[in-house]
C-alpha atoms as a PDB file:
ATOM      1  CA  MET A   1       3.016  15.907 -48.855  1.00  0.00           C
ATOM      2  CA  ALA A   2       2.308  19.635 -48.830  1.00  0.00           C
ATOM      3  CA  PRO A   3       1.410  20.966 -45.399  1.00  0.00           C
ATOM      4  CA  LYS A   4      -1.174  23.687 -45.877  1.00  0.00           C
ATOM      5  CA  SER A   5      -1.354  25.120 -49.375  1.00  0.00           C
ATOM      6  CA  LEU A   6      -1.829  23.819 -52.877  1.00  0.00           C
ATOM      7  CA  LEU A   7       1.371  24.958 -54.524  1.00  0.00           C
ATOM      8  CA  PRO A   8       4.076  23.554 -52.220  1.00  0.00           C
ATOM      9  CA  VAL A   9       3.802  20.141 -53.856  1.00  0.00           C
ATOM     10  CA  ILE A  10       6.989  18.315 -54.677  1.00  0.00           C
ATOM     11  CA  LEU A  11       8.634  19.425 -57.890  1.00  0.00           C
ATOM     12  CA  VAL A  12      11.390  17.271 -59.285  1.00  0.00           C
ATOM     13  CA  SER A  13      13.584  18.298 -62.172  1.00  0.00           C
ATOM     14  CA  ILE A  14      15.574  15.942 -64.377  1.00  0.00           C
ATOM     15  CA  SER A  15      19.175  15.645 -63.296  1.00  0.00           C
ATOM     16  CA  ALA A  16      21.925  13.052 -63.399  1.00  0.00           C
ATOM     17  CA  LEU A  17      21.187  10.546 -60.617  1.00  0.00           C
ATOM     18  CA  GLY A  18      23.529   7.821 -59.537  1.00  0.00           C
ATOM     19  CA  TYR A  19      21.388   4.962 -58.250  1.00  0.00           C
ATOM     20  CA  ALA A  20      21.695   1.242 -58.765  1.00  0.00           C
ATOM     21  CA  GLU A  21      19.357  -0.491 -61.232  1.00  0.00           C
ATOM     22  CA  LEU A  22      19.008   2.663 -63.291  1.00  0.00           C
ATOM     23  CA  ARG A  23      16.581   3.336 -66.090  1.00  0.00           C
ATOM     24  CA  ASN A  24      16.365   6.252 -68.441  1.00  0.00           C
ATOM     25  CA  CYS A  25      13.882   9.097 -68.136  1.00  0.00           C
ATOM     26  CA  GLY A  26      14.664  11.450 -70.970  1.00  0.00           C
ATOM     27  CA  SER A  27      18.312  12.336 -70.604  1.00  0.00           C
ATOM     28  CA  ALA A  28      18.455  11.298 -66.945  1.00  0.00           C
ATOM     29  CA  GLN A  29      18.871   7.983 -65.198  1.00  0.00           C
ATOM     30  CA  TYR A  30      16.855   7.064 -62.114  1.00  0.00           C
ATOM     31  CA  ASP A  31      16.451   4.323 -59.523  1.00  0.00           C
ATOM     32  CA  THR A  32      13.067   2.632 -59.999  1.00  0.00           C
ATOM     33  CA  ALA A  33      12.882   1.907 -56.274  1.00  0.00           C
ATOM     34  CA  GLN A  34      12.872   5.631 -55.533  1.00  0.00           C
ATOM     35  CA  TYR A  35      11.337   7.371 -58.542  1.00  0.00           C
ATOM     36  CA  VAL A  36       8.766   6.978 -61.305  1.00  0.00           C
ATOM     37  CA  CYS A  37       9.045   8.543 -64.755  1.00  0.00           C
ATOM     38  CA  TYR A  38       6.196  10.294 -66.543  1.00  0.00           C
ATOM     39  CA  ASP A  39       6.134  11.173 -70.260  1.00  0.00           C
ATOM     40  CA  ASN A  40       9.783  10.146 -70.442  1.00  0.00           C
ATOM     41  CA  GLN A  41      10.815  13.501 -68.976  1.00  0.00           C
ATOM     42  CA  PHE A  42       9.421  14.066 -65.466  1.00  0.00           C
ATOM     43  CA  LEU A  43      10.570  12.255 -62.331  1.00  0.00           C
ATOM     44  CA  CYS A  44       8.372  11.926 -59.249  1.00  0.00           C
ATOM     45  CA  PRO A  45       9.587  10.338 -55.996  1.00  0.00           C
ATOM     46  CA  ILE A  46       8.106   7.327 -54.263  1.00  0.00           C
ATOM     47  CA  SER A  47       7.010   8.526 -50.835  1.00  0.00           C
ATOM     48  CA  SER A  48       5.774   6.200 -48.065  1.00  0.00           C
ATOM     49  CA  GLY A  49       5.398   3.466 -50.661  1.00  0.00           C
ATOM     50  CA  GLU A  50       3.290   5.691 -52.934  1.00  0.00           C
ATOM     51  CA  PRO A  51       4.616   6.619 -56.393  1.00  0.00           C
ATOM     52  CA  LEU A  52       3.573  10.263 -56.486  1.00  0.00           C
ATOM     53  CA  SER A  53       1.334  11.128 -59.410  1.00  0.00           C
ATOM     54  CA  TYR A  54       2.036  13.788 -62.014  1.00  0.00           C
ATOM     55  CA  CYS A  55       0.024  16.848 -63.084  1.00  0.00           C
ATOM     56  CA  SER A  56       1.188  19.753 -65.242  1.00  0.00           C
ATOM     57  CA  GLY A  57       4.778  19.795 -64.024  1.00  0.00           C
ATOM     58  CA  ALA A  58       4.070  18.906 -60.391  1.00  0.00           C
ATOM     59  CA  CYS A  59       4.229  15.676 -58.416  1.00  0.00           C
ATOM     60  CA  PHE A  60       1.391  15.113 -55.976  1.00  0.00           C
ATOM     61  CA  SER A  61      -0.041  12.628 -53.497  1.00  0.00           C
ATOM     62  CA  LYS A  62      -3.402  11.081 -54.308  1.00  0.00           C
ATOM     63  CA  PHE A  63      -4.127  11.103 -50.579  1.00  0.00           C
ATOM     64  CA  MET A  64      -4.394  14.913 -50.624  1.00  0.00           C
ATOM     65  CA  TYR A  65      -4.684  16.163 -54.216  1.00  0.00           C
ATOM     66  CA  GLN A  66      -6.470  15.504 -57.458  1.00  0.00           C
ATOM     67  CA  CYS A  67      -5.676  16.389 -61.069  1.00  0.00           C
ATOM     68  CA  VAL A  68      -8.715  17.276 -63.192  1.00  0.00           C
ATOM     69  CA  LYS A  69      -8.137  18.395 -66.797  1.00  0.00           C
ATOM     70  CA  ASN A  70      -4.485  19.033 -65.948  1.00  0.00           C
ATOM     71  CA  VAL A  71      -5.425  21.323 -63.047  1.00  0.00           C
ATOM     72  CA  LEU A  72      -4.134  20.371 -59.611  1.00  0.00           C
ATOM     73  CA  SER A  73      -6.358  20.967 -56.580  1.00  0.00           C
ATOM     74  CA  THR A  74      -6.853  19.624 -53.088  1.00  0.00           C
ATOM     75  CA  LEU A  75      -9.386  16.874 -52.578  1.00  0.00           C
ATOM     76  CA  PRO A  76     -12.601  17.895 -50.810  1.00  0.00           C
ATOM     77  CA  ALA A  77     -12.591  17.390 -47.060  1.00  0.00           C
ATOM     78  CA  VAL A  78     -14.789  14.690 -45.584  1.00  0.00           C
ATOM     79  CA  ASP A  79     -18.077  16.153 -44.375  1.00  0.00           C
ATOM     80  CA  PRO A  80     -17.760  16.955 -40.643  1.00  0.00           C
ATOM     81  CA  THR A  81     -20.841  14.848 -39.876  1.00  0.00           C
ATOM     82  CA  THR A  82     -19.605  11.786 -41.782  1.00  0.00           C
ATOM     83  CA  PRO A  83     -17.610   9.202 -39.804  1.00  0.00           C
ATOM     84  CA  PHE A  84     -14.781   7.252 -41.386  1.00  0.00           C
ATOM     85  CA  THR A  85     -12.265   4.521 -40.725  1.00  0.00           C
ATOM     86  CA  LEU A  86      -8.558   4.476 -41.559  1.00  0.00           C
ATOM     87  CA  THR A  87      -6.232   1.865 -43.019  1.00  0.00           C
ATOM     88  CA  ALA A  88      -2.465   2.018 -43.435  1.00  0.00           C
ATOM     89  CA  SER A  89      -1.116   2.243 -46.971  1.00  0.00           C
ATOM     90  CA  ASN A  90       2.422   1.259 -47.901  1.00  0.00           C
ATOM     91  CA  PRO A  91       2.686  -1.798 -50.196  1.00  0.00           C
ATOM     92  CA  GLY A  92       6.186  -2.548 -48.918  1.00  0.00           C
ATOM     93  CA  LEU A  93       5.089  -3.133 -45.316  1.00  0.00           C
ATOM     94  CA  PRO A  94       3.249  -6.048 -43.671  1.00  0.00           C
ATOM     95  CA  ILE A  95       0.710  -3.594 -42.234  1.00  0.00           C
ATOM     96  CA  ASP A  96      -0.442  -2.433 -45.673  1.00  0.00           C
ATOM     97  CA  GLY A  97      -4.248  -2.467 -45.580  1.00  0.00           C
ATOM     98  CA  LYS A  98      -4.380  -2.957 -41.803  1.00  0.00           C
ATOM     99  CA  ALA A  99      -6.852  -0.865 -39.824  1.00  0.00           C
ATOM    100  CA  VAL A 100      -5.968   1.983 -37.507  1.00  0.00           C
ATOM    101  CA  THR A 101      -7.264   0.876 -34.113  1.00  0.00           C
ATOM    102  CA  ALA A 102      -7.988   2.589 -30.806  1.00  0.00           C
ATOM    103  CA  CYS A 103      -7.129   0.961 -27.494  1.00  0.00           C
ATOM    104  CA  GLY A 104      -5.782   2.317 -24.218  1.00  0.00           C
ATOM    105  CA  GLN A 105      -6.338   5.960 -25.300  1.00  0.00           C
ATOM    106  CA  HIS A 106      -3.892   5.330 -28.124  1.00  0.00           C
ATOM    107  CA  TRP A 107      -4.015   4.730 -31.893  1.00  0.00           C
ATOM    108  CA  SER A 108      -2.031   1.925 -33.467  1.00  0.00           C
ATOM    109  CA  ILE A 109      -2.047  -0.022 -36.729  1.00  0.00           C
ATOM    110  CA  GLY A 110      -3.166  -3.628 -36.838  1.00  0.00           C
ATOM    111  CA  GLY A 111      -4.096  -3.786 -33.177  1.00  0.00           C
ATOM    112  CA  GLU A 112      -7.423  -4.399 -31.474  1.00  0.00           C
ATOM    113  CA  THR A 113     -10.284  -1.987 -30.950  1.00  0.00           C
ATOM    114  CA  CYS A 114     -11.116  -1.560 -27.264  1.00  0.00           C
ATOM    115  CA  SER A 115     -14.566  -0.231 -26.449  1.00  0.00           C
ATOM    116  CA  TYR A 116     -17.249  -0.237 -23.775  1.00  0.00           C
ATOM    117  CA  CYS A 117     -20.984   0.298 -23.612  1.00  0.00           C
ATOM    118  CA  PRO A 118     -23.155   0.382 -20.457  1.00  0.00           C
ATOM    119  CA  SER A 119     -25.581  -2.190 -21.794  1.00  0.00           C
ATOM    120  CA  GLN A 120     -27.909  -2.006 -18.789  1.00  0.00           C
ATOM    121  CA  GLN A 121     -28.587   1.665 -19.522  1.00  0.00           C
ATOM    122  CA  VAL A 122     -28.206   1.718 -23.322  1.00  0.00           C
ATOM    123  CA  GLY A 123     -29.565  -1.723 -24.149  1.00  0.00           C
ATOM    124  CA  SER A 124     -29.951  -2.598 -27.812  1.00  0.00           C
ATOM    125  CA  ALA A 125     -28.698   0.862 -28.850  1.00  0.00           C
ATOM    126  CA  CYS A 126     -25.131  -0.203 -27.974  1.00  0.00           C
ATOM    127  CA  PRO A 127     -22.963  -0.122 -31.119  1.00  0.00           C
ATOM    128  CA  PRO A 128     -20.947  -3.298 -31.791  1.00  0.00           C
ATOM    129  CA  GLY A 129     -17.761  -1.429 -30.862  1.00  0.00           C
ATOM    130  CA  LYS A 130     -15.595  -3.600 -33.082  1.00  0.00           C
ATOM    131  CA  ILE A 131     -14.319  -0.904 -35.460  1.00  0.00           C
ATOM    132  CA  THR A 132     -12.363   2.278 -34.836  1.00  0.00           C
ATOM    133  CA  ALA A 133     -14.096   5.243 -36.437  1.00  0.00           C
ATOM    134  CA  MET A 134     -13.645   8.977 -36.180  1.00  0.00           C
ATOM    135  CA  PHE A 135     -14.725  12.413 -37.437  1.00  0.00           C
ATOM    136  CA  ALA A 136     -12.664  15.365 -38.677  1.00  0.00           C
ATOM    137  CA  SER A 137     -13.576  19.027 -38.893  1.00  0.00           C
ATOM    138  CA  GLU A 138     -11.621  22.278 -39.226  1.00  0.00           C
ATOM    139  CA  GLY A 139      -8.258  20.638 -38.643  1.00  0.00           C
ATOM    140  CA  ARG A 140      -9.321  18.649 -35.600  1.00  0.00           C
ATOM    141  CA  ALA A 141     -10.484  15.078 -35.095  1.00  0.00           C
ATOM    142  CA  ALA A 142     -12.686  13.208 -32.637  1.00  0.00           C
ATOM    143  CA  MET A 143     -13.671   9.606 -32.057  1.00  0.00           C
ATOM    144  CA  ASP A 144     -17.022   8.463 -33.465  1.00  0.00           C
ATOM    145  CA  THR A 145     -18.766   7.697 -30.178  1.00  0.00           C
ATOM    146  CA  MET A 146     -22.161   8.049 -28.491  1.00  0.00           C
ATOM    147  CA  VAL A 147     -20.838   8.925 -25.035  1.00  0.00           C
ATOM    148  CA  PRO A 148     -21.909  12.421 -23.866  1.00  0.00           C
ATOM    149  CA  GLY A 149     -19.104  14.922 -24.363  1.00  0.00           C
ATOM    150  CA  GLY A 150     -17.368  12.771 -26.956  1.00  0.00           C
ATOM    151  CA  GLN A 151     -13.693  11.839 -27.106  1.00  0.00           C
ATOM    152  CA  GLY A 152     -11.255  14.232 -28.748  1.00  0.00           C
ATOM    153  CA  VAL A 153      -8.140  13.205 -30.692  1.00  0.00           C
ATOM    154  CA  TYR A 154      -4.721  14.751 -30.060  1.00  0.00           C
ATOM    155  CA  LEU A 155      -1.031  14.268 -30.779  1.00  0.00           C
ATOM    156  CA  ASP A 156       0.743  13.848 -27.459  1.00  0.00           C
ATOM    157  CA  PRO A 157       4.073  15.572 -26.661  1.00  0.00           C
ATOM    158  CA  TYR A 158       5.889  12.614 -28.268  1.00  0.00           C
ATOM    159  CA  TRP A 159       3.638  12.850 -31.363  1.00  0.00           C
ATOM    160  CA  ASN A 160       1.812   9.590 -30.718  1.00  0.00           C
ATOM    161  CA  VAL A 161      -1.917   9.715 -31.492  1.00  0.00           C
ATOM    162  CA  GLY A 162      -4.115   9.708 -28.413  1.00  0.00           C
ATOM    163  CA  TYR A 163      -7.715  10.408 -27.502  1.00  0.00           C
ATOM    164  CA  THR A 164      -9.396  11.661 -24.372  1.00  0.00           C
ATOM    165  CA  GLN A 165     -11.076   9.372 -21.879  1.00  0.00           C
ATOM    166  CA  ALA A 166     -14.852   9.351 -21.794  1.00  0.00           C
ATOM    167  CA  HIS A 167     -16.313  12.077 -19.516  1.00  0.00           C
ATOM    168  CA  SER A 168     -12.955  13.904 -19.480  1.00  0.00           C
ATOM    169  CA  ALA A 169     -11.482  16.665 -21.607  1.00  0.00           C
ATOM    170  CA  TYR A 170      -7.966  16.211 -20.222  1.00  0.00           C
ATOM    171  CA  ILE A 171      -5.179  16.402 -22.802  1.00  0.00           C
ATOM    172  CA  PRO A 172      -1.509  16.121 -21.739  1.00  0.00           C
ATOM    173  CA  PRO A 173       0.304  19.476 -21.647  1.00  0.00           C
ATOM    174  CA  GLY A 174       2.327  20.067 -24.805  1.00  0.00           C
ATOM    175  CA  SER A 175      -0.048  18.091 -27.006  1.00  0.00           C
ATOM    176  CA  THR A 176      -1.242  19.215 -30.440  1.00  0.00           C
ATOM    177  CA  VAL A 177      -4.907  19.133 -31.421  1.00  0.00           C
ATOM    178  CA  GLU A 178      -4.841  20.809 -34.840  1.00  0.00           C
ATOM    179  CA  GLY A 179      -3.431  20.041 -38.285  1.00  0.00           C
ATOM    180  CA  LEU A 180      -5.426  16.837 -38.869  1.00  0.00           C
ATOM    181  CA  VAL A 181      -7.473  16.751 -42.075  1.00  0.00           C
ATOM    182  CA  ALA A 182      -9.480  13.948 -43.701  1.00  0.00           C
ATOM    183  CA  TYR A 183      -9.863  14.126 -47.490  1.00  0.00           C
ATOM    184  CA  ASN A 184     -12.783  12.457 -49.228  1.00  0.00           C
ATOM    185  CA  GLY A 185     -11.422   9.826 -51.587  1.00  0.00           C
ATOM    186  CA  GLY A 186      -7.972  10.382 -50.129  1.00  0.00           C
ATOM    187  CA  GLY A 187      -6.261  10.186 -46.779  1.00  0.00           C
ATOM    188  CA  PHE A 188      -6.119  11.408 -43.209  1.00  0.00           C
ATOM    189  CA  VAL A 189      -3.269  13.876 -43.335  1.00  0.00           C
ATOM    190  CA  ASN A 190      -0.953  15.205 -40.656  1.00  0.00           C
ATOM    191  CA  LEU A 191      -0.202  18.816 -41.628  1.00  0.00           C
ATOM    192  CA  ASN A 192       2.064  19.478 -38.656  1.00  0.00           C
ATOM    193  CA  GLY A 193       5.810  19.919 -39.028  1.00  0.00           C
ATOM    194  CA  ASN A 194       6.146  20.827 -42.700  1.00  0.00           C
ATOM    195  CA  GLY A 195       4.144  17.903 -43.992  1.00  0.00           C
ATOM    196  CA  TYR A 196       6.322  14.979 -42.954  1.00  0.00           C
ATOM    197  CA  GLY A 197       3.186  12.842 -42.668  1.00  0.00           C
ATOM    198  CA  TRP A 198       2.922   9.627 -40.655  1.00  0.00           C
ATOM    199  CA  ALA A 199       5.404   7.004 -39.516  1.00  0.00           C
ATOM    200  CA  ALA A 200       4.638   3.445 -38.427  1.00  0.00           C
ATOM    201  CA  CYS A 201       6.989   1.835 -35.938  1.00  0.00           C
ATOM    202  CA  PRO A 202       7.120  -1.960 -35.514  1.00  0.00           C
ATOM    203  CA  PRO A 203       6.603  -3.244 -31.956  1.00  0.00           C
ATOM    204  CA  THR A 204      10.339  -3.536 -31.260  1.00  0.00           C
ATOM    205  CA  ALA A 205      10.956   0.023 -32.471  1.00  0.00           C
ATOM    206  CA  SER A 206       7.999   1.585 -30.670  1.00  0.00           C
ATOM    207  CA  GLY A 207       8.829  -0.055 -27.354  1.00  0.00           C
ATOM    208  CA  GLY A 208       5.720  -2.203 -27.124  1.00  0.00           C
ATOM    209  CA  GLY A 209       4.839  -5.833 -27.559  1.00  0.00           C
ATOM    210  CA  GLY A 210       2.275  -7.672 -29.602  1.00  0.00           C
ATOM    211  CA  SER A 211       1.665  -7.307 -33.294  1.00  0.00           C
ATOM    212  CA  ALA A 212       0.373  -3.730 -33.451  1.00  0.00           C
ATOM    213  CA  TRP A 213       2.553  -1.007 -34.943  1.00  0.00           C
ATOM    214  CA  ASN A 214       2.756   2.381 -33.283  1.00  0.00           C
ATOM    215  CA  LEU A 215       1.509   5.351 -35.301  1.00  0.00           C
ATOM    216  CA  VAL A 216       3.513   8.571 -34.985  1.00  0.00           C
ATOM    217  CA  ALA A 217       3.011  12.005 -36.508  1.00  0.00           C
ATOM    218  CA  LYS A 218       6.356  12.663 -38.139  1.00  0.00           C
ATOM    219  CA  ASN A 219       7.717  16.220 -38.126  1.00  0.00           C
ATOM    220  CA  ALA A 220      10.899  18.246 -38.028  1.00  0.00           C
ATOM    221  CA  THR A 221      11.362  17.716 -34.282  1.00  0.00           C
ATOM    222  CA  ASN A 222      11.253  13.918 -34.248  1.00  0.00           C
ATOM    223  CA  ALA A 223      12.180  12.780 -37.770  1.00  0.00           C
ATOM    224  CA  ALA A 224      15.732  11.934 -36.727  1.00  0.00           C
ATOM    225  CA  THR A 225      14.500   9.600 -33.958  1.00  0.00           C
ATOM    226  CA  LEU A 226      12.378   7.458 -36.279  1.00  0.00           C
ATOM    227  CA  ALA A 227      15.173   5.651 -38.128  1.00  0.00           C
ATOM    228  CA  ASN A 228      13.595   2.260 -37.405  1.00  0.00           C
ATOM    229  CA  CYS A 229      10.123   3.377 -38.497  1.00  0.00           C
ATOM    230  CA  TYR A 230       8.547   3.613 -41.941  1.00  0.00           C
ATOM    231  CA  GLY A 231       6.440   6.180 -43.727  1.00  0.00           C
ATOM    232  CA  VAL A 232       2.775   5.329 -44.260  1.00  0.00           C
ATOM    233  CA  ASN A 233      -0.309   7.019 -45.623  1.00  0.00           C
ATOM    234  CA  LEU A 234      -3.680   6.634 -43.935  1.00  0.00           C
ATOM    235  CA  LYS A 235      -6.503   5.846 -46.347  1.00  0.00           C
ATOM    236  CA  VAL A 236      -9.962   7.209 -45.523  1.00  0.00           C
ATOM    237  CA  THR A 237     -13.057   5.027 -45.944  1.00  0.00           C
ATOM    238  CA  VAL A 238     -16.250   6.912 -45.189  1.00  0.00           C
ATOM    239  CA  LEU A 239     -19.136   5.297 -43.317  1.00  0.00           C
ATOM    240  CA  PRO A 240     -22.861   6.059 -43.613  1.00  0.00           C
ATOM    241  CA  LYS A 241     -23.956   9.087 -41.637  1.00  0.00           C
ATOM    242  CA  GLY A 242     -25.419   8.070 -38.311  1.00  0.00           C
ATOM    243  CA  THR A 243     -22.994   5.165 -37.874  1.00  0.00           C
ATOM    244  CA  TYR A 244     -21.401   4.980 -34.435  1.00  0.00           C
ATOM    245  CA  GLY A 245     -18.113   3.160 -33.998  1.00  0.00           C
ATOM    246  CA  ALA A 246     -18.644   2.643 -30.280  1.00  0.00           C
ATOM    247  CA  TRP A 247     -20.375   3.983 -27.215  1.00  0.00           C
ATOM    248  CA  GLN A 248     -16.918   4.875 -25.983  1.00  0.00           C
ATOM    249  CA  TYR A 249     -13.362   3.786 -26.748  1.00  0.00           C
ATOM    250  CA  THR A 250     -11.315   2.674 -23.761  1.00  0.00           C
END
């Protein structure tokens, strides 16, 4: 997935490939588990379970780009005032379609949403707090909450996804707060580290218990340590404006 500009999409030329279970694409052979063939002459890789699409000589991710009348362009960003939820996308994984959830100042996939609302003060205005929702604007993200001051999203020094506690702006030193973009009709994209995207680590690989998978922003500094993790895309589903996910996430 291209990190910041339109043109650095993945370009794949036809060449002799030596994979098992080969098929022909023009004069080349390719492994159907790793590539798809378009027009019997162009190969595009399968990335994070997604067969990249094809447009005018370029391979692209539908989570970030669109092809209209053979012209490739980035998808429009989600409106900064529109909240959205996220689900993992990789058909080869058991977490495909599972929600991204917030609990313990940490994002995971397929976990539980942990929230709180001071019902004595807020009363019937308390949101249900059962979904994890967020906003994105100008490369940054925040949780979709009612609590004064909000709750910002960051990538901690180990590239896990965290969010600030309510009534606190503290972010661990060495964290990253930029490079997070939500595309309307597409995905929530990690543009840090040359566009490596996201990795999902099963509980045994991420060091935790339970059924939730850890979500990590993959980049050049940590890619080698994620051998037991798997690439995923994060699909954006927008919510009606004015929807609050929670009073605060805990």
